[in-house]
Every structure is written in C-alpha cells, then in structure tokens.
Amino acid sequence: LTACVLVLPAAPADYAKDVKPLLKARCIACHGPLQQKGKLRLDSGDHIRKGGRAGSPVEPGKPDDSEL
C-alpha cells in the first residue's frame, strides 16, 4: 500500500499577526526607535525596507534571499 501525501503551500504571512509580534519580542530592543545597532530599525515596514548600514535585510518576494 502506497501513501499519497499532499503538500499545500503555506499561507502568506500576515505582517500584523505573524511578523510584527516576533520582531517586537526579539528585535526591537536593539533595532527600534531607541537604539539602532548597525543603523537598522525593524519597527516599521518603511524602516525595514530602507535597511541599515549593510542594506535592507529583506528582498521583497524572495524570502530565501532575505537575511531577515
């Protein structure tokens, strides 16, 4: 008997529900409005896309190529 496995693509991440709470819990202390290590802020989409000293940590539409 052979099992058939159906793999469905993951649903797109919801920024407000999935991403923002993670950034708040793990990143904002060092990359927020009060402190910006490497001149990188992660407290808003505009700041994330702008990036810091090393450029943007995200490649829109290319999650596997994004440092973040």
PDB file of N, CA and C in Angstrom:
ATOM      1  N   LEU A   1       0.854  -1.174   0.000  1.00  0.00           N
ATOM      2  CA  LEU A   1       0.000   0.000   0.000  1.00  0.00           C
ATOM      3  C   LEU A   1       0.901   1.238   0.000  1.00  0.00           C
ATOM      4  N   THR A   2       0.674   2.138  -0.921  1.00  0.00           N
ATOM      5  CA  THR A   2       1.457   3.358  -1.031  1.00  0.00           C
ATOM      6  C   THR A   2       0.647   4.542  -0.512  1.00  0.00           C
ATOM      7  N   ALA A   3       1.270   5.341   0.338  1.00  0.00           N
ATOM      8  CA  ALA A   3       0.601   6.531   0.882  1.00  0.00           C
ATOM      9  C   ALA A   3       0.821   7.699  -0.066  1.00  0.00           C
ATOM     10  N   CYS A   4      -0.196   8.490  -0.213  1.00  0.00           N
ATOM     11  CA  CYS A   4      -0.113   9.686  -1.033  1.00  0.00           C
ATOM     12  C   CYS A   4      -0.093  10.888  -0.107  1.00  0.00           C
ATOM     13  N   VAL A   5       0.877  11.758  -0.290  1.00  0.00           N
ATOM     14  CA  VAL A   5       0.995  12.934   0.565  1.00  0.00           C
ATOM     15  C   VAL A   5       0.754  14.171  -0.286  1.00  0.00           C
ATOM     16  N   LEU A   6      -0.134  15.002   0.180  1.00  0.00           N
ATOM     17  CA  LEU A   6      -0.429  16.254  -0.497  1.00  0.00           C
ATOM     18  C   LEU A   6       0.221  17.374   0.291  1.00  0.00           C
ATOM     19  N   VAL A   7       1.085  18.125  -0.353  1.00  0.00           N
ATOM     20  CA  VAL A   7       1.754  19.243   0.309  1.00  0.00           C
ATOM     21  C   VAL A   7       1.172  20.530  -0.243  1.00  0.00           C
ATOM     22  N   LEU A   8       0.561  21.295   0.632  1.00  0.00           N
ATOM     23  CA  LEU A   8      -0.015  22.572   0.233  1.00  0.00           C
ATOM     24  C   LEU A   8       0.952  23.693   0.590  1.00  0.00           C
ATOM     25  N   PRO A   9       1.021  24.722  -0.234  1.00  0.00           N
ATOM     26  CA  PRO A   9       1.902  25.848   0.107  1.00  0.00           C
ATOM     27  C   PRO A   9       1.411  26.535   1.371  1.00  0.00           C
ATOM     28  N   ALA A  10       2.349  27.040   2.137  1.00  0.00           N
ATOM     29  CA  ALA A  10       1.992  27.774   3.354  1.00  0.00           C
ATOM     30  C   ALA A  10       1.246  29.043   2.975  1.00  0.00           C
ATOM     31  N   ALA A  11       0.331  29.436   3.810  1.00  0.00           N
ATOM     32  CA  ALA A  11      -0.390  30.682   3.578  1.00  0.00           C
ATOM     33  C   ALA A  11       0.589  31.843   3.727  1.00  0.00           C
ATOM     34  N   PRO A  12       0.393  32.897   2.961  1.00  0.00           N
ATOM     35  CA  PRO A  12       1.277  34.062   3.112  1.00  0.00           C
ATOM     36  C   PRO A  12       1.230  34.585   4.546  1.00  0.00           C
ATOM     37  N   ALA A  13       2.367  35.047   5.026  1.00  0.00           N
ATOM     38  CA  ALA A  13       2.426  35.576   6.386  1.00  0.00           C
ATOM     39  C   ALA A  13       1.662  36.884   6.464  1.00  0.00           C
ATOM     40  N   ASP A  14       0.981  37.076   7.546  1.00  0.00           N
ATOM     41  CA  ASP A  14       0.295  38.325   7.827  1.00  0.00           C
ATOM     42  C   ASP A  14       1.229  39.153   8.710  1.00  0.00           C
ATOM     43  N   TYR A  15       1.651  40.332   8.232  1.00  0.00           N
ATOM     44  CA  TYR A  15       2.638  41.136   8.963  1.00  0.00           C
ATOM     45  C   TYR A  15       2.169  41.437  10.384  1.00  0.00           C
ATOM     46  N   ALA A  16       0.977  41.976  10.540  1.00  0.00           N
ATOM     47  CA  ALA A  16       0.497  42.385  11.861  1.00  0.00           C
ATOM     48  C   ALA A  16       0.336  41.203  12.811  1.00  0.00           C
ATOM     49  N   LYS A  17      -0.089  40.066  12.288  1.00  0.00           N
ATOM     50  CA  LYS A  17      -0.369  38.896  13.132  1.00  0.00           C
ATOM     51  C   LYS A  17       0.858  38.008  13.339  1.00  0.00           C
ATOM     52  N   ASP A  18       1.641  37.798  12.287  1.00  0.00           N
ATOM     53  CA  ASP A  18       2.727  36.820  12.339  1.00  0.00           C
ATOM     54  C   ASP A  18       4.120  37.427  12.529  1.00  0.00           C
ATOM     55  N   VAL A  19       4.375  38.534  11.874  1.00  0.00           N
ATOM     56  CA  VAL A  19       5.738  39.077  11.837  1.00  0.00           C
ATOM     57  C   VAL A  19       5.992  40.114  12.932  1.00  0.00           C
ATOM     58  N   LYS A  20       5.112  41.096  13.046  1.00  0.00           N
ATOM     59  CA  LYS A  20       5.330  42.188  13.991  1.00  0.00           C
ATOM     60  C   LYS A  20       5.524  41.706  15.430  1.00  0.00           C
ATOM     61  N   PRO A  21       4.706  40.747  15.927  1.00  0.00           N
ATOM     62  CA  PRO A  21       4.939  40.267  17.300  1.00  0.00           C
ATOM     63  C   PRO A  21       6.314  39.616  17.481  1.00  0.00           C
ATOM     64  N   LEU A  22       6.787  38.923  16.463  1.00  0.00           N
ATOM     65  CA  LEU A  22       8.130  38.314  16.526  1.00  0.00           C
ATOM     66  C   LEU A  22       9.211  39.377  16.603  1.00  0.00           C
ATOM     67  N   LEU A  23       9.106  40.388  15.735  1.00  0.00           N
ATOM     68  CA  LEU A  23      10.095  41.463  15.745  1.00  0.00           C
ATOM     69  C   LEU A  23      10.077  42.198  17.084  1.00  0.00           C
ATOM     70  N   LYS A  24       8.883  42.439  17.608  1.00  0.00           N
ATOM     71  CA  LYS A  24       8.755  43.135  18.890  1.00  0.00           C
ATOM     72  C   LYS A  24       9.411  42.327  20.005  1.00  0.00           C
ATOM     73  N   ALA A  25       9.195  41.034  20.011  1.00  0.00           N
ATOM     74  CA  ALA A  25       9.730  40.177  21.073  1.00  0.00           C
ATOM     75  C   ALA A  25      11.235  39.967  20.975  1.00  0.00           C
ATOM     76  N   ARG A  26      11.767  39.932  19.751  1.00  0.00           N
ATOM     77  CA  ARG A  26      13.164  39.526  19.599  1.00  0.00           C
ATOM     78  C   ARG A  26      14.109  40.572  19.024  1.00  0.00           C
ATOM     79  N   CYS A  27      13.589  41.648  18.434  1.00  0.00           N
ATOM     80  CA  CYS A  27      14.466  42.537  17.678  1.00  0.00           C
ATOM     81  C   CYS A  27      14.420  44.008  18.074  1.00  0.00           C
ATOM     82  N   ILE A  28      13.265  44.480  18.520  1.00  0.00           N
ATOM     83  CA  ILE A  28      13.055  45.907  18.702  1.00  0.00           C
ATOM     84  C   ILE A  28      13.959  46.510  19.776  1.00  0.00           C
ATOM     85  N   ALA A  29      14.346  45.753  20.790  1.00  0.00           N
ATOM     86  CA  ALA A  29      15.215  46.295  21.833  1.00  0.00           C
ATOM     87  C   ALA A  29      16.528  46.815  21.255  1.00  0.00           C
ATOM     88  N   CYS A  30      17.051  46.161  20.239  1.00  0.00           N
ATOM     89  CA  CYS A  30      18.323  46.581  19.624  1.00  0.00           C
ATOM     90  C   CYS A  30      18.137  47.280  18.281  1.00  0.00           C
ATOM     91  N   HIS A  31      16.957  47.140  17.674  1.00  0.00           N
ATOM     92  CA  HIS A  31      16.707  47.704  16.342  1.00  0.00           C
ATOM     93  C   HIS A  31      15.359  48.414  16.313  1.00  0.00           C
ATOM     94  N   GLY A  32      15.150  49.298  17.278  1.00  0.00           N
ATOM     95  CA  GLY A  32      13.885  50.026  17.370  1.00  0.00           C
ATOM     96  C   GLY A  32      14.108  51.515  17.447  1.00  0.00           C
ATOM     97  N   PRO A  33      13.117  52.258  17.911  1.00  0.00           N
ATOM     98  CA  PRO A  33      13.225  53.712  17.932  1.00  0.00           C
ATOM     99  C   PRO A  33      14.269  54.241  18.920  1.00  0.00           C
ATOM    100  N   LEU A  34      14.551  53.506  19.983  1.00  0.00           N
ATOM    101  CA  LEU A  34      15.508  53.989  20.984  1.00  0.00           C
ATOM    102  C   LEU A  34      16.946  53.603  20.684  1.00  0.00           C
ATOM    103  N   GLN A  35      17.157  52.525  19.990  1.00  0.00           N
ATOM    104  CA  GLN A  35      18.504  52.043  19.666  1.00  0.00           C
ATOM    105  C   GLN A  35      18.470  51.404  18.296  1.00  0.00           C
ATOM    106  N   GLN A  36      19.494  51.653  17.495  1.00  0.00           N
ATOM    107  CA  GLN A  36      19.557  51.071  16.155  1.00  0.00           C
ATOM    108  C   GLN A  36      20.963  50.524  15.897  1.00  0.00           C
ATOM    109  N   LYS A  37      21.221  49.320  16.331  1.00  0.00           N
ATOM    110  CA  LYS A  37      22.512  48.708  16.034  1.00  0.00           C
ATOM    111  C   LYS A  37      22.661  48.591  14.526  1.00  0.00           C
ATOM    112  N   GLY A  38      23.805  48.969  14.024  1.00  0.00           N
ATOM    113  CA  GLY A  38      24.051  48.923  12.585  1.00  0.00           C
ATOM    114  C   GLY A  38      23.133  49.854  11.805  1.00  0.00           C
ATOM    115  N   LYS A  39      22.581  50.864  12.503  1.00  0.00           N
ATOM    116  CA  LYS A  39      21.650  51.825  11.896  1.00  0.00           C
ATOM    117  C   LYS A  39      20.414  51.149  11.302  1.00  0.00           C
ATOM    118  N   LEU A  40      20.057  49.984  11.837  1.00  0.00           N
ATOM    119  CA  LEU A  40      18.909  49.223  11.334  1.00  0.00           C
ATOM    120  C   LEU A  40      17.757  49.314  12.308  1.00  0.00           C
ATOM    121  N   ARG A  41      16.606  49.757  11.794  1.00  0.00           N
ATOM    122  CA  ARG A  41      15.365  49.776  12.565  1.00  0.00           C
ATOM    123  C   ARG A  41      14.407  48.752  11.983  1.00  0.00           C
ATOM    124  N   LEU A  42      13.757  48.006  12.871  1.00  0.00           N
ATOM    125  CA  LEU A  42      12.820  46.973  12.433  1.00  0.00           C
ATOM    126  C   LEU A  42      11.423  47.199  12.998  1.00  0.00           C
ATOM    127  N   ASP A  43      11.121  48.441  13.361  1.00  0.00           N
ATOM    128  CA  ASP A  43       9.830  48.720  13.979  1.00  0.00           C
ATOM    129  C   ASP A  43       8.764  49.206  12.998  1.00  0.00           C
ATOM    130  N   SER A  44       9.088  49.290  11.713  1.00  0.00           N
ATOM    131  CA  SER A  44       8.066  49.620  10.709  1.00  0.00           C
ATOM    132  C   SER A  44       8.516  49.078   9.353  1.00  0.00           C
ATOM    133  N   GLY A  45       7.554  48.854   8.484  1.00  0.00           N
ATOM    134  CA  GLY A  45       7.871  48.346   7.153  1.00  0.00           C
ATOM    135  C   GLY A  45       8.787  49.269   6.378  1.00  0.00           C
ATOM    136  N   ASP A  46       8.560  50.580   6.495  1.00  0.00           N
ATOM    137  CA  ASP A  46       9.422  51.541   5.791  1.00  0.00           C
ATOM    138  C   ASP A  46      10.865  51.443   6.265  1.00  0.00           C
ATOM    139  N   HIS A  47      11.053  51.349   7.577  1.00  0.00           N
ATOM    140  CA  HIS A  47      12.413  51.238   8.110  1.00  0.00           C
ATOM    141  C   HIS A  47      13.068  49.920   7.700  1.00  0.00           C
ATOM    142  N   ILE A  48      12.297  48.847   7.684  1.00  0.00           N
ATOM    143  CA  ILE A  48      12.846  47.547   7.304  1.00  0.00           C
ATOM    144  C   ILE A  48      13.315  47.585   5.855  1.00  0.00           C
ATOM    145  N   ARG A  49      12.483  48.129   4.969  1.00  0.00           N
ATOM    146  CA  ARG A  49      12.866  48.200   3.547  1.00  0.00           C
ATOM    147  C   ARG A  49      14.050  49.122   3.331  1.00  0.00           C
ATOM    148  N   LYS A  50      14.130  50.210   4.109  1.00  0.00           N
ATOM    149  CA  LYS A  50      15.253  51.145   3.983  1.00  0.00           C
ATOM    150  C   LYS A  50      16.558  50.451   4.373  1.00  0.00           C
ATOM    151  N   GLY A  51      16.497  49.658   5.414  1.00  0.00           N
ATOM    152  CA  GLY A  51      17.682  48.927   5.850  1.00  0.00           C
ATOM    153  C   GLY A  51      18.591  49.767   6.717  1.00  0.00           C
ATOM    154  N   GLY A  52      19.756  49.232   6.956  1.00  0.00           N
ATOM    155  CA  GLY A  52      20.739  49.896   7.805  1.00  0.00           C
ATOM    156  C   GLY A  52      22.061  50.015   7.086  1.00  0.00           C
ATOM    157  N   ARG A  53      23.111  49.977   7.867  1.00  0.00           N
ATOM    158  CA  ARG A  53      24.465  50.127   7.334  1.00  0.00           C
ATOM    159  C   ARG A  53      24.770  49.061   6.272  1.00  0.00           C
ATOM    160  N   ALA A  54      24.261  47.858   6.436  1.00  0.00           N
ATOM    161  CA  ALA A  54      24.546  46.761   5.500  1.00  0.00           C
ATOM    162  C   ALA A  54      23.454  46.607   4.438  1.00  0.00           C
ATOM    163  N   GLY A  55      22.540  47.584   4.350  1.00  0.00           N
ATOM    164  CA  GLY A  55      21.462  47.493   3.376  1.00  0.00           C
ATOM    165  C   GLY A  55      20.213  46.910   3.993  1.00  0.00           C
ATOM    166  N   SER A  56      19.261  46.571   3.149  1.00  0.00           N
ATOM    167  CA  SER A  56      17.992  46.036   3.626  1.00  0.00           C
ATOM    168  C   SER A  56      18.121  44.547   3.952  1.00  0.00           C
ATOM    169  N   PRO A  57      17.522  44.117   5.071  1.00  0.00           N
ATOM    170  CA  PRO A  57      17.580  42.705   5.425  1.00  0.00           C
ATOM    171  C   PRO A  57      16.526  41.872   4.705  1.00  0.00           C
ATOM    172  N   VAL A  58      15.731  42.497   3.842  1.00  0.00           N
ATOM    173  CA  VAL A  58      14.686  41.769   3.124  1.00  0.00           C
ATOM    174  C   VAL A  58      14.791  42.000   1.622  1.00  0.00           C
ATOM    175  N   GLU A  59      14.451  40.968   0.879  1.00  0.00           N
ATOM    176  CA  GLU A  59      14.311  41.040  -0.575  1.00  0.00           C
ATOM    177  C   GLU A  59      12.844  40.762  -0.851  1.00  0.00           C
ATOM    178  N   PRO A  60      12.040  41.814  -1.105  1.00  0.00           N
ATOM    179  CA  PRO A  60      10.605  41.597  -1.310  1.00  0.00           C
ATOM    180  C   PRO A  60      10.322  40.515  -2.357  1.00  0.00           C
ATOM    181  N   GLY A  61       9.473  39.567  -1.981  1.00  0.00           N
ATOM    182  CA  GLY A  61       9.108  38.475  -2.873  1.00  0.00           C
ATOM    183  C   GLY A  61      10.126  37.353  -2.946  1.00  0.00           C
ATOM    184  N   LYS A  62      11.236  37.485  -2.222  1.00  0.00           N
ATOM    185  CA  LYS A  62      12.300  36.471  -2.247  1.00  0.00           C
ATOM    186  C   LYS A  62      12.723  36.122  -0.821  1.00  0.00           C
ATOM    187  N   PRO A  63      11.875  35.434  -0.081  1.00  0.00           N
ATOM    188  CA  PRO A  63      12.212  35.152   1.324  1.00  0.00           C
ATOM    189  C   PRO A  63      13.489  34.328   1.497  1.00  0.00           C
ATOM    190  N   ASP A  64      13.796  33.470   0.565  1.00  0.00           N
ATOM    191  CA  ASP A  64      15.014  32.652   0.706  1.00  0.00           C
ATOM    192  C   ASP A  64      16.276  33.476   0.497  1.00  0.00           C
ATOM    193  N   ASP A  65      16.158  34.632  -0.157  1.00  0.00           N
ATOM    194  CA  ASP A  65      17.301  35.510  -0.390  1.00  0.00           C
ATOM    195  C   ASP A  65      17.398  36.618   0.657  1.00  0.00           C
ATOM    196  N   SER A  66      16.457  36.656   1.580  1.00  0.00           N
ATOM    197  CA  SER A  66      16.411  37.714   2.589  1.00  0.00           C
ATOM    198  C   SER A  66      17.185  37.308   3.827  1.00  0.00           C
ATOM    199  N   GLU A  67      18.027  38.213   4.312  1.00  0.00           N
ATOM    200  CA  GLU A  67      18.800  37.926   5.517  1.00  0.00           C
ATOM    201  C   GLU A  67      17.887  37.783   6.725  1.00  0.00           C
ATOM    202  N   LEU A  68      16.862  38.615   6.799  1.00  0.00           N
ATOM    203  CA  LEU A  68      15.947  38.560   7.940  1.00  0.00           C
ATOM    204  C   LEU A  68      15.106  37.312   7.892  1.00  0.00           C
TER     205      LEU A  68
END
